[in-house]
């Protein structure tokens, strides 16, 4: 973190609800992306594990079935599209300007 805001150029700091912590705004964006990914990843891991427990408890699924599952062509297409959108959303954080309110 920046030790002093006195050395920052005019207009740096809170911009449109966005707080700048590092001297280089790109580091703030990278930190934002990292935290968004961490939050999303934990939410998915948590929900997936709970879903697996419920399905296994009810006898609908054995965890080994997940590990050996082979998606159909349509399912593979859907997964690819979802993955591409996920990556595009992540990269959006790198392309926004520091003054963007998105």
PDB file of N, CA and C in Angstrom:
ATOM      1  N   UNK A   1       0.826  -1.183   0.000  1.00  0.00           N
ATOM      2  CA  UNK A   1       0.000   0.000   0.000  1.00  0.00           C
ATOM      3  C   UNK A   1       0.866   1.240   0.000  1.00  0.00           C
ATOM      4  N   UNK A   2       0.308   2.269  -0.519  1.00  0.00           N
ATOM      5  CA  UNK A   2       1.026   3.520  -0.521  1.00  0.00           C
ATOM      6  C   UNK A   2       1.074   4.063   0.899  1.00  0.00           C
ATOM      7  N   UNK A   3       2.245   4.503   1.313  1.00  0.00           N
ATOM      8  CA  UNK A   3       2.385   5.011   2.671  1.00  0.00           C
ATOM      9  C   UNK A   3       1.827   6.417   2.804  1.00  0.00           C
ATOM     10  N   UNK A   4       1.823   7.175   1.721  1.00  0.00           N
ATOM     11  CA  UNK A   4       1.381   8.553   1.812  1.00  0.00           C
ATOM     12  C   UNK A   4       0.651   8.951   0.548  1.00  0.00           C
ATOM     13  N   UNK A   5      -0.492   9.595   0.733  1.00  0.00           N
ATOM     14  CA  UNK A   5      -1.230  10.074  -0.435  1.00  0.00           C
ATOM     15  C   UNK A   5      -0.678  11.411  -0.903  1.00  0.00           C
ATOM     16  N   UNK A   6       0.241  12.004  -0.130  1.00  0.00           N
ATOM     17  CA  UNK A   6       0.822  13.298  -0.504  1.00  0.00           C
ATOM     18  C   UNK A   6       1.606  13.203  -1.803  1.00  0.00           C
ATOM     19  N   UNK A   7       2.173  12.036  -2.119  1.00  0.00           N
ATOM     20  CA  UNK A   7       2.987  11.867  -3.314  1.00  0.00           C
ATOM     21  C   UNK A   7       2.181  11.501  -4.549  1.00  0.00           C
ATOM     22  N   UNK A   8       0.892  11.340  -4.400  1.00  0.00           N
ATOM     23  CA  UNK A   8       0.057  10.949  -5.535  1.00  0.00           C
ATOM     24  C   UNK A   8      -0.309  12.161  -6.376  1.00  0.00           C
ATOM     25  N   UNK A   9      -0.447  11.957  -7.687  1.00  0.00           N
ATOM     26  CA  UNK A   9      -0.871  13.063  -8.559  1.00  0.00           C
ATOM     27  C   UNK A   9      -2.266  13.551  -8.185  1.00  0.00           C
ATOM     28  N   UNK A  10      -2.557  14.773  -8.571  1.00  0.00           N
ATOM     29  CA  UNK A  10      -3.868  15.379  -8.338  1.00  0.00           C
ATOM     30  C   UNK A  10      -4.984  14.473  -8.853  1.00  0.00           C
ATOM     31  N   UNK A  11      -6.020  14.281  -8.082  1.00  0.00           N
ATOM     32  CA  UNK A  11      -7.177  13.505  -8.502  1.00  0.00           C
ATOM     33  C   UNK A  11      -7.127  12.037  -8.142  1.00  0.00           C
ATOM     34  N   UNK A  12      -6.011  11.569  -7.575  1.00  0.00           N
ATOM     35  CA  UNK A  12      -5.952  10.163  -7.186  1.00  0.00           C
ATOM     36  C   UNK A  12      -6.631   9.990  -5.855  1.00  0.00           C
ATOM     37  N   UNK A  13      -7.096   8.796  -5.599  1.00  0.00           N
ATOM     38  CA  UNK A  13      -7.794   8.503  -4.345  1.00  0.00           C
ATOM     39  C   UNK A  13      -9.126   7.885  -4.677  1.00  0.00           C
ATOM     40  N   UNK A  14     -10.157   8.326  -4.023  1.00  0.00           N
ATOM     41  CA  UNK A  14     -11.479   7.780  -4.304  1.00  0.00           C
ATOM     42  C   UNK A  14     -12.001   8.432  -5.576  1.00  0.00           C
ATOM     43  N   UNK A  15     -12.278   7.604  -6.567  1.00  0.00           N
ATOM     44  CA  UNK A  15     -12.770   8.081  -7.855  1.00  0.00           C
ATOM     45  C   UNK A  15     -14.017   7.291  -8.188  1.00  0.00           C
ATOM     46  N   UNK A  16     -15.163   7.948  -8.212  1.00  0.00           N
ATOM     47  CA  UNK A  16     -16.397   7.273  -8.582  1.00  0.00           C
ATOM     48  C   UNK A  16     -16.701   6.060  -7.717  1.00  0.00           C
ATOM     49  N   UNK A  17     -16.437   6.146  -6.437  1.00  0.00           N
ATOM     50  CA  UNK A  17     -16.709   5.024  -5.550  1.00  0.00           C
ATOM     51  C   UNK A  17     -15.613   3.982  -5.547  1.00  0.00           C
ATOM     52  N   UNK A  18     -14.536   4.232  -6.264  1.00  0.00           N
ATOM     53  CA  UNK A  18     -13.432   3.282  -6.359  1.00  0.00           C
ATOM     54  C   UNK A  18     -12.276   3.814  -5.540  1.00  0.00           C
ATOM     55  N   UNK A  19     -11.810   3.046  -4.571  1.00  0.00           N
ATOM     56  CA  UNK A  19     -10.707   3.453  -3.701  1.00  0.00           C
ATOM     57  C   UNK A  19      -9.391   2.961  -4.271  1.00  0.00           C
ATOM     58  N   UNK A  20      -8.432   3.833  -4.384  1.00  0.00           N
ATOM     59  CA  UNK A  20      -7.110   3.430  -4.854  1.00  0.00           C
ATOM     60  C   UNK A  20      -6.215   3.231  -3.641  1.00  0.00           C
ATOM     61  N   UNK A  21      -5.562   2.061  -3.583  1.00  0.00           N
ATOM     62  CA  UNK A  21      -4.691   1.729  -2.470  1.00  0.00           C
ATOM     63  C   UNK A  21      -3.217   1.761  -2.845  1.00  0.00           C
ATOM     64  N   UNK A  22      -2.898   1.413  -4.073  1.00  0.00           N
ATOM     65  CA  UNK A  22      -1.513   1.329  -4.522  1.00  0.00           C
ATOM     66  C   UNK A  22      -1.188   2.518  -5.410  1.00  0.00           C
ATOM     67  N   UNK A  23       0.090   2.844  -5.497  1.00  0.00           N
ATOM     68  CA  UNK A  23       0.503   3.962  -6.351  1.00  0.00           C
ATOM     69  C   UNK A  23       0.156   3.706  -7.815  1.00  0.00           C
ATOM     70  N   UNK A  24       0.243   2.468  -8.241  1.00  0.00           N
ATOM     71  CA  UNK A  24      -0.084   2.108  -9.618  1.00  0.00           C
ATOM     72  C   UNK A  24      -1.516   1.584  -9.649  1.00  0.00           C
ATOM     73  N   UNK A  25      -2.425   2.246 -10.358  1.00  0.00           N
ATOM     74  CA  UNK A  25      -3.821   1.800 -10.392  1.00  0.00           C
ATOM     75  C   UNK A  25      -3.986   0.383 -10.943  1.00  0.00           C
ATOM     76  N   UNK A  26      -3.033  -0.071 -11.762  1.00  0.00           N
ATOM     77  CA  UNK A  26      -3.120  -1.430 -12.295  1.00  0.00           C
ATOM     78  C   UNK A  26      -3.022  -2.460 -11.169  1.00  0.00           C
ATOM     79  N   UNK A  27      -2.258  -2.166 -10.142  1.00  0.00           N
ATOM     80  CA  UNK A  27      -2.168  -3.084  -8.999  1.00  0.00           C
ATOM     81  C   UNK A  27      -3.495  -3.174  -8.259  1.00  0.00           C
ATOM     82  N   UNK A  28      -4.203  -2.058  -8.167  1.00  0.00           N
ATOM     83  CA  UNK A  28      -5.530  -2.090  -7.556  1.00  0.00           C
ATOM     84  C   UNK A  28      -6.480  -2.970  -8.357  1.00  0.00           C
ATOM     85  N   UNK A  29      -6.418  -2.854  -9.675  1.00  0.00           N
ATOM     86  CA  UNK A  29      -7.272  -3.685 -10.529  1.00  0.00           C
ATOM     87  C   UNK A  29      -6.902  -5.154 -10.380  1.00  0.00           C
ATOM     88  N   UNK A  30      -5.629  -5.450 -10.324  1.00  0.00           N
ATOM     89  CA  UNK A  30      -5.181  -6.832 -10.147  1.00  0.00           C
ATOM     90  C   UNK A  30      -5.645  -7.382  -8.805  1.00  0.00           C
ATOM     91  N   UNK A  31      -5.565  -6.572  -7.762  1.00  0.00           N
ATOM     92  CA  UNK A  31      -6.049  -7.001  -6.444  1.00  0.00           C
ATOM     93  C   UNK A  31      -7.560  -7.242  -6.482  1.00  0.00           C
ATOM     94  N   UNK A  32      -8.280  -6.370  -7.171  1.00  0.00           N
ATOM     95  CA  UNK A  32      -9.730  -6.525  -7.299  1.00  0.00           C
ATOM     96  C   UNK A  32     -10.081  -7.833  -8.019  1.00  0.00           C
ATOM     97  N   UNK A  33      -9.386  -8.112  -9.106  1.00  0.00           N
ATOM     98  CA  UNK A  33      -9.614  -9.342  -9.862  1.00  0.00           C
ATOM     99  C   UNK A  33      -9.313 -10.554  -8.989  1.00  0.00           C
ATOM    100  N   UNK A  34      -8.201 -10.509  -8.274  1.00  0.00           N
ATOM    101  CA  UNK A  34      -7.813 -11.628  -7.415  1.00  0.00           C
ATOM    102  C   UNK A  34      -8.862 -11.886  -6.339  1.00  0.00           C
ATOM    103  N   UNK A  35      -9.359 -10.836  -5.710  1.00  0.00           N
ATOM    104  CA  UNK A  35     -10.363 -11.002  -4.660  1.00  0.00           C
ATOM    105  C   UNK A  35     -11.692 -11.501  -5.233  1.00  0.00           C
ATOM    106  N   UNK A  36     -12.069 -10.999  -6.409  1.00  0.00           N
ATOM    107  CA  UNK A  36     -13.290 -11.486  -7.057  1.00  0.00           C
ATOM    108  C   UNK A  36     -13.169 -12.977  -7.385  1.00  0.00           C
ATOM    109  N   UNK A  37     -12.014 -13.369  -7.899  1.00  0.00           N
ATOM    110  CA  UNK A  37     -11.795 -14.787  -8.212  1.00  0.00           C
ATOM    111  C   UNK A  37     -11.812 -15.642  -6.953  1.00  0.00           C
ATOM    112  N   UNK A  38     -11.185 -15.166  -5.899  1.00  0.00           N
ATOM    113  CA  UNK A  38     -11.163 -15.915  -4.642  1.00  0.00           C
ATOM    114  C   UNK A  38     -12.576 -16.089  -4.093  1.00  0.00           C
ATOM    115  N   UNK A  39     -13.370 -15.031  -4.103  1.00  0.00           N
ATOM    116  CA  UNK A  39     -14.742 -15.107  -3.591  1.00  0.00           C
ATOM    117  C   UNK A  39     -15.591 -16.051  -4.431  1.00  0.00           C
ATOM    118  N   UNK A  40     -15.468 -15.940  -5.744  1.00  0.00           N
ATOM    119  CA  UNK A  40     -16.228 -16.813  -6.637  1.00  0.00           C
ATOM    120  C   UNK A  40     -15.808 -18.267  -6.461  1.00  0.00           C
ATOM    121  N   UNK A  41     -14.515 -18.496  -6.399  1.00  0.00           N
ATOM    122  CA  UNK A  41     -14.002 -19.858  -6.247  1.00  0.00           C
ATOM    123  C   UNK A  41     -14.494 -20.477  -4.955  1.00  0.00           C
ATOM    124  N   UNK A  42     -14.406 -19.752  -3.845  1.00  0.00           N
ATOM    125  CA  UNK A  42     -14.858 -20.314  -2.575  1.00  0.00           C
ATOM    126  C   UNK A  42     -16.353 -20.620  -2.615  1.00  0.00           C
ATOM    127  N   UNK A  43     -17.146 -19.716  -3.168  1.00  0.00           N
ATOM    128  CA  UNK A  43     -18.586 -19.944  -3.255  1.00  0.00           C
ATOM    129  C   UNK A  43     -18.884 -21.208  -4.046  1.00  0.00           C
ATOM    130  N   UNK A  44     -18.211 -21.380  -5.171  1.00  0.00           N
ATOM    131  CA  UNK A  44     -18.420 -22.570  -5.988  1.00  0.00           C
ATOM    132  C   UNK A  44     -17.978 -23.847  -5.273  1.00  0.00           C
ATOM    133  N   UNK A  45     -16.824 -23.808  -4.631  1.00  0.00           N
ATOM    134  CA  UNK A  45     -16.343 -24.989  -3.898  1.00  0.00           C
ATOM    135  C   UNK A  45     -17.292 -25.372  -2.774  1.00  0.00           C
ATOM    136  N   UNK A  46     -17.750 -24.382  -2.037  1.00  0.00           N
ATOM    137  CA  UNK A  46     -18.668 -24.611  -0.934  1.00  0.00           C
ATOM    138  C   UNK A  46     -19.980 -25.224  -1.431  1.00  0.00           C
ATOM    139  N   UNK A  47     -20.578 -24.611  -2.431  1.00  0.00           N
ATOM    140  CA  UNK A  47     -21.850 -25.109  -2.967  1.00  0.00           C
ATOM    141  C   UNK A  47     -21.696 -26.488  -3.605  1.00  0.00           C
ATOM    142  N   UNK A  48     -20.589 -26.703  -4.309  1.00  0.00           N
ATOM    143  CA  UNK A  48     -20.384 -27.999  -4.949  1.00  0.00           C
ATOM    144  C   UNK A  48     -20.277 -29.098  -3.899  1.00  0.00           C
ATOM    145  N   UNK A  49     -19.523 -28.869  -2.858  1.00  0.00           N
ATOM    146  CA  UNK A  49     -19.351 -29.894  -1.823  1.00  0.00           C
ATOM    147  C   UNK A  49     -20.681 -30.195  -1.144  1.00  0.00           C
ATOM    148  N   UNK A  50     -21.442 -29.176  -0.823  1.00  0.00           N
ATOM    149  CA  UNK A  50     -22.758 -29.376  -0.202  1.00  0.00           C
ATOM    150  C   UNK A  50     -23.668 -30.170  -1.135  1.00  0.00           C
ATOM    151  N   UNK A  51     -23.657 -29.825  -2.425  1.00  0.00           N
ATOM    152  CA  UNK A  51     -24.472 -30.549  -3.403  1.00  0.00           C
ATOM    153  C   UNK A  51     -24.063 -32.018  -3.472  1.00  0.00           C
ATOM    154  N   UNK A  52     -22.773 -32.275  -3.491  1.00  0.00           N
ATOM    155  CA  UNK A  52     -22.282 -33.659  -3.529  1.00  0.00           C
ATOM    156  C   UNK A  52     -22.727 -34.424  -2.284  1.00  0.00           C
ATOM    157  N   UNK A  53     -22.640 -33.813  -1.113  1.00  0.00           N
ATOM    158  CA  UNK A  53     -23.068 -34.484   0.112  1.00  0.00           C
ATOM    159  C   UNK A  53     -24.550 -34.836   0.062  1.00  0.00           C
ATOM    160  N   UNK A  54     -25.364 -33.881  -0.384  1.00  0.00           N
ATOM    161  CA  UNK A  54     -26.810 -34.120  -0.448  1.00  0.00           C
ATOM    162  C   UNK A  54     -27.125 -35.238  -1.438  1.00  0.00           C
ATOM    163  N   UNK A  55     -26.529 -35.175  -2.626  1.00  0.00           N
ATOM    164  CA  UNK A  55     -26.795 -36.196  -3.641  1.00  0.00           C
ATOM    165  C   UNK A  55     -26.314 -37.577  -3.192  1.00  0.00           C
ATOM    166  N   UNK A  56     -25.158 -37.625  -2.557  1.00  0.00           N
ATOM    167  CA  UNK A  56     -24.638 -38.904  -2.086  1.00  0.00           C
ATOM    168  C   UNK A  56     -25.499 -39.443  -0.937  1.00  0.00           C
ATOM    169  N   UNK A  57     -25.907 -38.561  -0.043  1.00  0.00           N
ATOM    170  CA  UNK A  57     -26.758 -38.951   1.094  1.00  0.00           C
ATOM    171  C   UNK A  57     -28.085 -39.537   0.621  1.00  0.00           C
ATOM    172  N   UNK A  58     -28.622 -38.997  -0.461  1.00  0.00           N
ATOM    173  CA  UNK A  58     -29.895 -39.475  -0.996  1.00  0.00           C
ATOM    174  C   UNK A  58     -29.729 -40.656  -1.946  1.00  0.00           C
ATOM    175  N   UNK A  59     -28.472 -41.043  -2.202  1.00  0.00           N
ATOM    176  CA  UNK A  59     -28.219 -42.196  -3.051  1.00  0.00           C
ATOM    177  C   UNK A  59     -28.303 -41.915  -4.534  1.00  0.00           C
ATOM    178  N   UNK A  60     -28.277 -40.658  -4.927  1.00  0.00           N
ATOM    179  CA  UNK A  60     -28.373 -40.298  -6.334  1.00  0.00           C
ATOM    180  C   UNK A  60     -27.033 -40.286  -7.042  1.00  0.00           C
ATOM    181  N   UNK A  61     -25.942 -40.221  -6.295  1.00  0.00           N
ATOM    182  CA  UNK A  61     -24.643 -40.008  -6.901  1.00  0.00           C
ATOM    183  C   UNK A  61     -23.544 -40.539  -5.987  1.00  0.00           C
ATOM    184  N   UNK A  62     -22.526 -41.089  -6.607  1.00  0.00           N
ATOM    185  CA  UNK A  62     -21.294 -41.423  -5.904  1.00  0.00           C
ATOM    186  C   UNK A  62     -20.236 -40.456  -6.443  1.00  0.00           C
ATOM    187  N   UNK A  63     -19.398 -39.939  -5.567  1.00  0.00           N
ATOM    188  CA  UNK A  63     -18.406 -38.937  -5.990  1.00  0.00           C
ATOM    189  C   UNK A  63     -17.546 -39.405  -7.155  1.00  0.00           C
ATOM    190  N   UNK A  64     -17.272 -40.688  -7.257  1.00  0.00           N
ATOM    191  CA  UNK A  64     -16.458 -41.204  -8.362  1.00  0.00           C
ATOM    192  C   UNK A  64     -17.119 -40.937  -9.711  1.00  0.00           C
ATOM    193  N   UNK A  65     -18.452 -40.859  -9.741  1.00  0.00           N
ATOM    194  CA  UNK A  65     -19.151 -40.574 -10.990  1.00  0.00           C
ATOM    195  C   UNK A  65     -18.785 -39.200 -11.537  1.00  0.00           C
ATOM    196  N   UNK A  66     -18.540 -38.254 -10.655  1.00  0.00           N
ATOM    197  CA  UNK A  66     -18.155 -36.907 -11.082  1.00  0.00           C
ATOM    198  C   UNK A  66     -16.782 -36.953 -11.736  1.00  0.00           C
ATOM    199  N   UNK A  67     -15.863 -37.687 -11.121  1.00  0.00           N
ATOM    200  CA  UNK A  67     -14.489 -37.763 -11.628  1.00  0.00           C
ATOM    201  C   UNK A  67     -14.395 -38.451 -12.988  1.00  0.00           C
ATOM    202  N   UNK A  68     -15.305 -39.360 -13.274  1.00  0.00           N
ATOM    203  CA  UNK A  68     -15.232 -40.129 -14.519  1.00  0.00           C
ATOM    204  C   UNK A  68     -16.250 -39.678 -15.569  1.00  0.00           C
ATOM    205  N   UNK A  69     -17.022 -38.642 -15.278  1.00  0.00           N
ATOM    206  CA  UNK A  69     -18.065 -38.169 -16.193  1.00  0.00           C
ATOM    207  C   UNK A  69     -17.468 -37.662 -17.494  1.00  0.00           C
ATOM    208  N   UNK A  70     -18.057 -38.059 -18.619  1.00  0.00           N
ATOM    209  CA  UNK A  70     -17.657 -37.600 -19.944  1.00  0.00           C
ATOM    210  C   UNK A  70     -18.825 -36.814 -20.540  1.00  0.00           C
ATOM    211  N   UNK A  71     -18.678 -35.496 -20.720  1.00  0.00           N
ATOM    212  CA  UNK A  71     -19.789 -34.706 -21.259  1.00  0.00           C
ATOM    213  C   UNK A  71     -20.079 -35.028 -22.724  1.00  0.00           C
ATOM    214  N   UNK A  72     -21.345 -34.864 -23.097  1.00  0.00           N
ATOM    215  CA  UNK A  72     -21.734 -35.018 -24.499  1.00  0.00           C
ATOM    216  C   UNK A  72     -21.187 -33.817 -25.278  1.00  0.00           C
ATOM    217  N   UNK A  73     -21.328 -33.858 -26.590  1.00  0.00           N
ATOM    218  CA  UNK A  73     -20.862 -32.730 -27.410  1.00  0.00           C
ATOM    219  C   UNK A  73     -21.590 -31.452 -27.023  1.00  0.00           C
ATOM    220  N   UNK A  74     -22.896 -31.539 -26.806  1.00  0.00           N
ATOM    221  CA  UNK A  74     -23.687 -30.369 -26.423  1.00  0.00           C
ATOM    222  C   UNK A  74     -23.253 -29.844 -25.053  1.00  0.00           C
ATOM    223  N   UNK A  75     -23.023 -30.742 -24.116  1.00  0.00           N
ATOM    224  CA  UNK A  75     -22.562 -30.327 -22.792  1.00  0.00           C
ATOM    225  C   UNK A  75     -21.165 -29.709 -22.871  1.00  0.00           C
ATOM    226  N   UNK A  76     -20.306 -30.284 -23.686  1.00  0.00           N
ATOM    227  CA  UNK A  76     -18.953 -29.742 -23.866  1.00  0.00           C
ATOM    228  C   UNK A  76     -19.020 -28.334 -24.455  1.00  0.00           C
ATOM    229  N   UNK A  77     -19.927 -28.127 -25.406  1.00  0.00           N
ATOM    230  CA  UNK A  77     -20.116 -26.806 -26.008  1.00  0.00           C
ATOM    231  C   UNK A  77     -20.580 -25.813 -24.943  1.00  0.00           C
ATOM    232  N   UNK A  78     -21.526 -26.221 -24.123  1.00  0.00           N
ATOM    233  CA  UNK A  78     -22.032 -25.350 -23.058  1.00  0.00           C
ATOM    234  C   UNK A  78     -20.929 -24.999 -22.052  1.00  0.00           C
ATOM    235  N   UNK A  79     -20.121 -25.984 -21.682  1.00  0.00           N
ATOM    236  CA  UNK A  79     -19.010 -25.745 -20.762  1.00  0.00           C
ATOM    237  C   UNK A  79     -17.993 -24.780 -21.371  1.00  0.00           C
ATOM    238  N   UNK A  80     -17.705 -24.955 -22.651  1.00  0.00           N
ATOM    239  CA  UNK A  80     -16.747 -24.086 -23.333  1.00  0.00           C
ATOM    240  C   UNK A  80     -17.250 -22.649 -23.369  1.00  0.00           C
ATOM    241  N   UNK A  81     -18.522 -22.460 -23.699  1.00  0.00           N
ATOM    242  CA  UNK A  81     -19.102 -21.121 -23.732  1.00  0.00           C
ATOM    243  C   UNK A  81     -19.081 -20.473 -22.345  1.00  0.00           C
ATOM    244  N   UNK A  82     -19.421 -21.244 -21.319  1.00  0.00           N
ATOM    245  CA  UNK A  82     -19.410 -20.721 -19.948  1.00  0.00           C
ATOM    246  C   UNK A  82     -17.993 -20.356 -19.517  1.00  0.00           C
ATOM    247  N   UNK A  83     -17.023 -21.203 -19.871  1.00  0.00           N
ATOM    248  CA  UNK A  83     -15.621 -20.916 -19.535  1.00  0.00           C
ATOM    249  C   UNK A  83     -15.146 -19.648 -20.234  1.00  0.00           C
ATOM    250  N   UNK A  84     -15.473 -19.511 -21.512  1.00  0.00           N
ATOM    251  CA  UNK A  84     -15.059 -18.328 -22.257  1.00  0.00           C
ATOM    252  C   UNK A  84     -15.659 -17.051 -21.671  1.00  0.00           C
ATOM    253  N   UNK A  85     -16.915 -17.105 -21.246  1.00  0.00           N
ATOM    254  CA  UNK A  85     -17.555 -15.936 -20.628  1.00  0.00           C
ATOM    255  C   UNK A  85     -16.894 -15.617 -19.293  1.00  0.00           C
ATOM    256  N   UNK A  86     -16.572 -16.647 -18.532  1.00  0.00           N
ATOM    257  CA  UNK A  86     -15.900 -16.483 -17.242  1.00  0.00           C
ATOM    258  C   UNK A  86     -14.562 -15.762 -17.431  1.00  0.00           C
ATOM    259  N   UNK A  87     -13.776 -16.202 -18.406  1.00  0.00           N
ATOM    260  CA  UNK A  87     -12.477 -15.582 -18.686  1.00  0.00           C
ATOM    261  C   UNK A  87     -12.662 -14.148 -19.170  1.00  0.00           C
ATOM    262  N   UNK A  88     -13.658 -13.916 -20.012  1.00  0.00           N
ATOM    263  CA  UNK A  88     -13.926 -12.558 -20.503  1.00  0.00           C
ATOM    264  C   UNK A  88     -14.287 -11.630 -19.348  1.00  0.00           C
ATOM    265  N   UNK A  89     -15.057 -12.119 -18.403  1.00  0.00           N
ATOM    266  CA  UNK A  89     -15.427 -11.314 -17.236  1.00  0.00           C
ATOM    267  C   UNK A  89     -14.200 -10.967 -16.393  1.00  0.00           C
ATOM    268  N   UNK A  90     -13.296 -11.914 -16.252  1.00  0.00           N
ATOM    269  CA  UNK A  90     -12.062 -11.667 -15.500  1.00  0.00           C
ATOM    270  C   UNK A  90     -11.216 -10.620 -16.214  1.00  0.00           C
ATOM    271  N   UNK A  91     -11.035 -10.802 -17.502  1.00  0.00           N
ATOM    272  CA  UNK A  91     -10.199  -9.890 -18.264  1.00  0.00           C
ATOM    273  C   UNK A  91     -10.803  -8.499 -18.368  1.00  0.00           C
ATOM    274  N   UNK A  92     -12.110  -8.379 -18.197  1.00  0.00           N
ATOM    275  CA  UNK A  92     -12.767  -7.085 -18.210  1.00  0.00           C
ATOM    276  C   UNK A  92     -12.158  -6.174 -17.143  1.00  0.00           C
ATOM    277  N   UNK A  93     -11.791  -6.735 -16.002  1.00  0.00           N
ATOM    278  CA  UNK A  93     -11.170  -5.947 -14.945  1.00  0.00           C
ATOM    279  C   UNK A  93      -9.831  -5.358 -15.351  1.00  0.00           C
ATOM    280  N   UNK A  94      -9.151  -6.000 -16.270  1.00  0.00           N
ATOM    281  CA  UNK A  94      -7.864  -5.487 -16.732  1.00  0.00           C
ATOM    282  C   UNK A  94      -8.006  -4.394 -17.773  1.00  0.00           C
ATOM    283  N   UNK A  95      -9.132  -4.363 -18.460  1.00  0.00           N
ATOM    284  CA  UNK A  95      -9.301  -3.412 -19.546  1.00  0.00           C
ATOM    285  C   UNK A  95     -10.046  -2.151 -19.134  1.00  0.00           C
ATOM    286  N   UNK A  96     -10.644  -2.166 -17.944  1.00  0.00           N
ATOM    287  CA  UNK A  96     -11.343  -0.965 -17.482  1.00  0.00           C
ATOM    288  C   UNK A  96     -10.322   0.089 -17.075  1.00  0.00           C
ATOM    289  N   UNK A  97     -10.682   1.326 -17.262  1.00  0.00           N
ATOM    290  CA  UNK A  97      -9.797   2.402 -16.796  1.00  0.00           C
ATOM    291  C   UNK A  97     -10.035   2.624 -15.306  1.00  0.00           C
ATOM    292  N   UNK A  98      -9.113   3.268 -14.669  1.00  0.00           N
ATOM    293  CA  UNK A  98      -9.227   3.556 -13.239  1.00  0.00           C
ATOM    294  C   UNK A  98     -10.422   4.433 -12.942  1.00  0.00           C
ATOM    295  N   UNK A  99     -10.876   5.205 -13.909  1.00  0.00           N
ATOM    296  CA  UNK A  99     -11.996   6.101 -13.690  1.00  0.00           C
ATOM    297  C   UNK A  99     -13.330   5.483 -14.046  1.00  0.00           C
ATOM    298  N   UNK A 100     -13.315   4.229 -14.496  1.00  0.00           N
ATOM    299  CA  UNK A 100     -14.546   3.539 -14.886  1.00  0.00           C
ATOM    300  C   UNK A 100     -15.377   3.219 -13.657  1.00  0.00           C
ATOM    301  N   UNK A 101     -16.689   3.315 -13.788  1.00  0.00           N
ATOM    302  CA  UNK A 101     -17.579   2.992 -12.669  1.00  0.00           C
ATOM    303  C   UNK A 101     -18.211   1.629 -12.828  1.00  0.00           C
ATOM    304  N   UNK A 102     -17.752   0.824 -13.781  1.00  0.00           N
ATOM    305  CA  UNK A 102     -18.305  -0.515 -13.994  1.00  0.00           C
ATOM    306  C   UNK A 102     -17.877  -1.439 -12.906  1.00  0.00           C
TER     307      UNK A 102
END
